[in-house]
Amino acid sequence: MIRILTSIVLLLILSVAVWLPPEAFVIILAGFLALAWSEYVNLATSAGAPPLHGLGALLPIACAASFAAPDPRTPIVITGVTLLLSAGLGLAGAREQPKLAIRGTVATVGGICWLGVLPGFYVALRYEPRGVALIVLVFAAVSLGDIAAYYGGSLFGRRPLVPTLSPRKTIEGALFGLVGSSIGGFIVVHYWIVDTTWPVGVAIGLLLGTLGQTGDLLESALKRAADTKDSSSILPGHGGVLDRLDALLFGGAALYAAVYFGLL
């Protein structure tokens, strides 16, 4: 019951955020990213690669927010400067503890790309004329895929998917998840983005589902390295913010690429 109530609250927050003006969407996203960065810092530190903390949370937020700029070169410049700055700050202590500093720098740079650059594509999508529909497409594909994977795996799961990373995930659950994601893509494209054929919706849903499961496994690897089950306990029944965002992060970039190249 707690898990369901938390899901409803999260869904309401995300629904309101998507429908608000783009500037408000960016502010709400920044709040989620600040929480996610804090959780990421704790996980990476436990894994022996401490990233920049404290004000370091501003670095991924700056990268994500830069995608709101009308000049497409702005995110490239901001991201480049941010990565160079983070590398410089991270390597500042290399003389005292070189191995730890290098691991921490890699974790910082990787974290900025993961929690800064990738969410930035959601900002870019929100400023598109069909921005709301496009973001809902990702949410629908990933959410339905997650639900289908959970129940499909619970009922029919027999063979582990990647037991070294997530023993509870099964091949059967993953396949059910891909079917659910395809259905989510079909529904949004067929009934909302009507200028695109439904097979495209199914294909994009399948892609988003695959990327969602990949992102989930990536965070599972990080949690396994940190020897913990959840990124935090801020969301009752779900763990942390990062546990909810992991499956969404790659989808925004993929969908933006589809729009950019005229596939959607």
Protein backbone atom coordinates (compact mmCIF):
# COMPACT_ATOMS: atom_id res chain seq x y z
CA MET A 1 0.00 0.00 0.00
CA ILE A 2 2.82 2.42 0.89
CA ARG A 3 4.50 1.72 -2.44
CA ILE A 4 1.25 2.44 -4.31
CA LEU A 5 0.60 5.69 -2.40
CA THR A 6 4.15 6.87 -3.06
CA SER A 7 3.73 6.06 -6.76
CA ILE A 8 0.52 8.11 -6.90
CA VAL A 9 2.18 11.11 -5.24
CA LEU A 10 5.17 10.90 -7.59
CA LEU A 11 2.90 10.61 -10.61
CA LEU A 12 0.96 13.70 -9.51
CA ILE A 13 4.15 15.70 -9.02
CA LEU A 14 5.54 14.67 -12.40
CA SER A 15 2.22 15.33 -14.13
CA VAL A 16 2.02 18.84 -12.69
CA ALA A 17 5.68 19.52 -13.49
CA VAL A 18 5.32 18.52 -17.14
CA TRP A 19 2.25 20.70 -17.68
CA LEU A 20 3.75 23.77 -16.00
CA PRO A 21 5.63 26.37 -18.08
CA PRO A 22 9.09 25.17 -19.17
CA GLU A 23 10.85 27.44 -16.67
CA ALA A 24 8.93 25.89 -13.77
CA PHE A 25 9.67 22.42 -15.13
CA VAL A 26 13.39 23.21 -15.07
CA ILE A 27 13.19 24.39 -11.44
CA ILE A 28 11.37 21.24 -10.30
CA LEU A 29 13.80 19.07 -12.25
CA ALA A 30 16.70 20.87 -10.56
CA GLY A 31 15.26 19.92 -7.17
CA PHE A 32 15.08 16.25 -8.13
CA LEU A 33 18.62 16.37 -9.52
CA ALA A 34 19.97 17.89 -6.31
CA LEU A 35 18.50 15.00 -4.33
CA ALA A 36 19.71 12.45 -6.89
CA TRP A 37 23.24 13.90 -6.81
CA SER A 38 23.33 13.63 -3.01
CA GLU A 39 22.34 9.97 -3.26
CA TYR A 40 24.87 9.38 -6.03
CA VAL A 41 27.63 10.91 -3.91
CA ASN A 42 26.80 8.56 -1.03
CA LEU A 43 26.75 5.51 -3.30
CA ALA A 44 29.96 6.37 -5.14
CA THR A 45 31.74 7.25 -1.89
CA SER A 46 30.74 3.90 -0.39
CA ALA A 47 32.11 2.28 -3.55
CA GLY A 48 35.48 3.98 -3.00
CA ALA A 49 35.19 6.79 -5.58
CA PRO A 50 34.04 9.96 -3.77
CA PRO A 51 32.72 12.62 -6.19
CA LEU A 52 32.45 16.33 -5.43
CA HIS A 53 29.77 16.93 -2.83
CA GLY A 54 28.01 19.92 -1.31
CA LEU A 55 28.05 22.68 -3.91
CA GLY A 56 29.15 20.03 -6.39
CA ALA A 57 25.43 19.39 -6.92
CA LEU A 58 25.31 22.67 -8.83
CA LEU A 59 27.47 21.22 -11.61
CA PRO A 60 24.96 18.69 -13.02
CA ILE A 61 22.13 21.17 -12.47
CA ALA A 62 24.01 23.79 -14.49
CA CYS A 63 24.50 21.31 -17.33
CA ALA A 64 20.83 20.32 -17.37
CA ALA A 65 19.57 23.91 -17.18
CA SER A 66 21.85 25.00 -20.03
CA PHE A 67 19.69 22.99 -22.45
CA ALA A 68 17.02 25.67 -22.01
CA ALA A 69 19.18 28.21 -23.85
CA PRO A 70 17.98 29.13 -27.35
CA ASP A 71 21.51 28.82 -28.76
CA PRO A 72 22.25 25.09 -29.27
CA ARG A 73 25.93 25.75 -28.63
CA THR A 74 25.29 26.82 -25.04
CA PRO A 75 24.91 23.29 -23.56
CA ILE A 76 28.12 22.23 -25.28
CA VAL A 77 30.05 25.16 -23.82
CA ILE A 78 28.54 24.87 -20.34
CA THR A 79 29.06 21.11 -20.23
CA GLY A 80 32.66 21.45 -21.41
CA VAL A 81 33.47 24.11 -18.82
CA THR A 82 31.72 22.13 -16.09
CA LEU A 83 33.60 18.93 -16.87
CA LEU A 84 36.94 20.75 -16.97
CA LEU A 85 36.17 22.52 -13.70
CA SER A 86 35.11 19.31 -11.99
CA ALA A 87 38.22 17.50 -13.25
CA GLY A 88 40.45 20.30 -11.98
CA LEU A 89 38.80 20.37 -8.56
CA GLY A 90 38.83 16.60 -8.31
CA LEU A 91 42.51 16.27 -9.17
CA ALA A 92 43.52 19.06 -6.79
CA GLY A 93 44.22 16.50 -4.09
CA ALA A 94 46.04 14.05 -6.35
CA ARG A 95 49.40 14.74 -4.70
CA GLU A 96 48.21 13.46 -1.30
CA GLN A 97 46.00 10.57 -2.44
CA PRO A 98 46.46 10.11 -6.19
CA LYS A 99 44.43 6.92 -6.64
CA LEU A 100 41.50 8.19 -4.58
CA ALA A 101 41.56 11.54 -6.39
CA ILE A 102 41.52 9.89 -9.80
CA ARG A 103 38.65 7.58 -8.85
CA GLY A 104 36.73 10.52 -7.40
CA THR A 105 37.32 12.61 -10.51
CA VAL A 106 36.09 9.84 -12.79
CA ALA A 107 33.01 9.47 -10.57
CA THR A 108 32.37 13.22 -10.70
CA VAL A 109 32.73 13.49 -14.47
CA GLY A 110 30.64 10.37 -15.04
CA GLY A 111 28.02 11.57 -12.59
CA ILE A 112 27.72 14.95 -14.31
CA CYS A 113 27.15 13.23 -17.64
CA TRP A 114 24.63 10.85 -16.07
CA LEU A 115 22.73 13.31 -13.84
CA GLY A 116 23.40 16.53 -15.74
CA VAL A 117 23.72 16.02 -19.47
CA LEU A 118 21.11 13.27 -19.83
CA PRO A 119 18.39 15.13 -17.87
CA GLY A 120 19.22 18.17 -19.99
CA PHE A 121 17.55 16.47 -22.94
CA TYR A 122 14.27 16.53 -21.01
CA VAL A 123 14.70 20.28 -20.71
CA ALA A 124 15.30 20.49 -24.45
CA LEU A 125 12.23 18.32 -25.11
CA ARG A 126 10.06 20.50 -22.89
CA TYR A 127 10.88 23.53 -25.05
CA GLU A 128 9.76 21.67 -28.18
CA PRO A 129 6.26 22.48 -29.56
CA ARG A 130 5.15 18.93 -28.67
CA GLY A 131 7.22 18.93 -25.50
CA VAL A 132 4.53 17.75 -23.08
CA ALA A 133 3.51 14.84 -25.31
CA LEU A 134 7.12 13.80 -25.88
CA ILE A 135 7.96 13.71 -22.18
CA VAL A 136 4.73 11.85 -21.41
CA LEU A 137 5.75 9.34 -24.09
CA VAL A 138 8.93 8.53 -22.17
CA PHE A 139 7.11 8.37 -18.84
CA ALA A 140 4.39 6.11 -20.26
CA ALA A 141 6.78 3.70 -21.97
CA VAL A 142 9.09 3.40 -18.97
CA SER A 143 6.31 3.27 -16.35
CA LEU A 144 4.20 0.64 -18.14
CA GLY A 145 7.37 -1.32 -18.83
CA ASP A 146 8.30 -1.19 -15.15
CA ILE A 147 4.83 -2.36 -14.08
CA ALA A 148 4.75 -5.15 -16.66
CA ALA A 149 8.24 -6.30 -15.70
CA TYR A 150 7.35 -6.36 -12.01
CA TYR A 151 4.18 -8.42 -12.37
CA GLY A 152 5.46 -10.53 -15.27
CA GLY A 153 8.61 -11.36 -13.36
CA SER A 154 6.67 -12.10 -10.16
CA LEU A 155 4.30 -14.50 -11.91
CA PHE A 156 6.48 -16.11 -14.56
CA GLY A 157 10.09 -15.23 -13.72
CA ARG A 158 12.38 -18.23 -13.65
CA ARG A 159 15.70 -17.36 -15.28
CA PRO A 160 17.81 -14.55 -13.78
CA LEU A 161 18.68 -11.70 -16.13
CA VAL A 162 21.97 -10.49 -14.65
CA PRO A 163 22.33 -12.26 -11.30
CA THR A 164 25.62 -10.58 -10.44
CA LEU A 165 23.95 -7.15 -10.54
CA SER A 166 20.31 -7.76 -9.63
CA PRO A 167 19.39 -11.30 -8.56
CA ARG A 168 15.64 -10.57 -8.51
CA LYS A 169 15.40 -9.45 -12.14
CA THR A 170 14.51 -12.20 -14.60
CA ILE A 171 14.60 -12.64 -18.35
CA GLU A 172 10.84 -13.24 -18.35
CA GLY A 173 10.26 -10.03 -16.42
CA ALA A 174 12.45 -8.09 -18.84
CA LEU A 175 10.50 -9.42 -21.82
CA PHE A 176 7.18 -8.50 -20.20
CA GLY A 177 8.66 -5.08 -19.54
CA LEU A 178 9.50 -4.57 -23.20
CA VAL A 179 5.95 -5.52 -24.17
CA GLY A 180 4.59 -3.03 -21.65
CA SER A 181 6.88 -0.29 -22.96
CA SER A 182 5.79 -0.99 -26.54
CA ILE A 183 2.14 -0.67 -25.48
CA GLY A 184 2.92 2.60 -23.73
CA GLY A 185 4.63 3.95 -26.83
CA PHE A 186 1.73 2.86 -29.02
CA ILE A 187 -0.91 4.51 -26.80
CA VAL A 188 0.78 7.91 -26.61
CA VAL A 189 1.76 8.04 -30.28
CA HIS A 190 -1.55 6.72 -31.62
CA TYR A 191 -3.83 8.86 -29.47
CA TRP A 192 -1.72 11.97 -28.91
CA ILE A 193 1.13 12.37 -31.39
CA VAL A 194 -1.23 11.53 -34.23
CA ASP A 195 1.03 12.75 -37.03
CA THR A 196 3.22 9.66 -36.54
CA THR A 197 2.26 6.10 -37.47
CA TRP A 198 1.61 3.61 -34.67
CA PRO A 199 4.46 1.22 -35.64
CA VAL A 200 6.83 4.09 -34.90
CA GLY A 201 5.24 4.38 -31.46
CA VAL A 202 5.73 0.68 -30.81
CA ALA A 203 9.36 0.83 -31.96
CA ILE A 204 10.11 3.90 -29.86
CA GLY A 205 8.39 2.32 -26.87
CA LEU A 206 10.57 -0.76 -27.33
CA LEU A 207 13.69 1.43 -27.52
CA LEU A 208 12.72 3.42 -24.43
CA GLY A 209 11.97 0.21 -22.56
CA THR A 210 15.36 -1.24 -23.46
CA LEU A 211 17.15 1.93 -22.38
CA GLY A 212 15.08 2.05 -19.20
CA GLN A 213 16.14 -1.44 -18.21
CA THR A 214 19.74 -0.59 -19.10
CA GLY A 215 19.65 2.45 -16.83
CA ASP A 216 18.16 0.37 -14.05
CA LEU A 217 20.94 -2.20 -14.36
CA LEU A 218 23.55 0.56 -14.39
CA GLU A 219 22.33 1.84 -11.05
CA SER A 220 22.13 -1.73 -9.77
CA ALA A 221 25.83 -2.09 -10.56
CA LEU A 222 26.57 1.08 -8.59
CA LYS A 223 24.50 -0.11 -5.63
CA ARG A 224 26.19 -3.50 -5.76
CA ALA A 225 29.60 -1.77 -5.64
CA ALA A 226 28.38 0.30 -2.69
CA ASP A 227 26.92 -2.82 -1.03
CA THR A 228 23.47 -1.31 -0.51
CA LYS A 229 19.93 -2.08 -1.67
CA ASP A 230 18.53 1.43 -2.26
CA SER A 231 20.10 4.80 -3.02
CA SER A 232 18.25 6.22 0.03
CA SER A 233 14.98 5.85 1.93
CA ILE A 234 13.42 9.20 1.04
CA LEU A 235 10.60 7.58 -0.97
CA PRO A 236 8.69 5.03 1.15
CA GLY A 237 8.44 1.72 -0.66
CA HIS A 238 10.65 2.88 -3.53
CA GLY A 239 14.01 3.79 -2.03
CA GLY A 240 15.58 6.99 -3.29
CA VAL A 241 15.07 9.54 -6.03
CA LEU A 242 17.87 7.95 -8.04
CA ASP A 243 16.03 4.63 -7.87
CA ARG A 244 13.11 6.28 -9.70
CA LEU A 245 15.15 8.32 -12.17
CA ASP A 246 17.57 5.62 -13.31
CA ALA A 247 15.20 4.12 -15.88
CA LEU A 248 14.29 7.54 -17.31
CA LEU A 249 17.71 9.09 -17.82
CA PHE A 250 18.69 7.58 -21.17
CA GLY A 251 15.20 7.82 -22.65
CA GLY A 252 15.15 11.61 -22.93
CA ALA A 253 18.35 11.66 -24.97
CA ALA A 254 17.11 8.91 -27.29
CA LEU A 255 13.78 10.61 -27.87
CA TYR A 256 15.42 13.96 -28.52
CA ALA A 257 17.65 12.28 -31.12
CA ALA A 258 14.55 10.79 -32.76
CA VAL A 259 12.96 14.24 -32.95
CA TYR A 260 16.16 15.89 -34.15
CA PHE A 261 16.59 13.43 -37.02
CA GLY A 262 12.93 13.63 -38.01
CA LEU A 263 11.97 10.12 -36.91
CA LEU A 264 9.19 11.41 -34.70
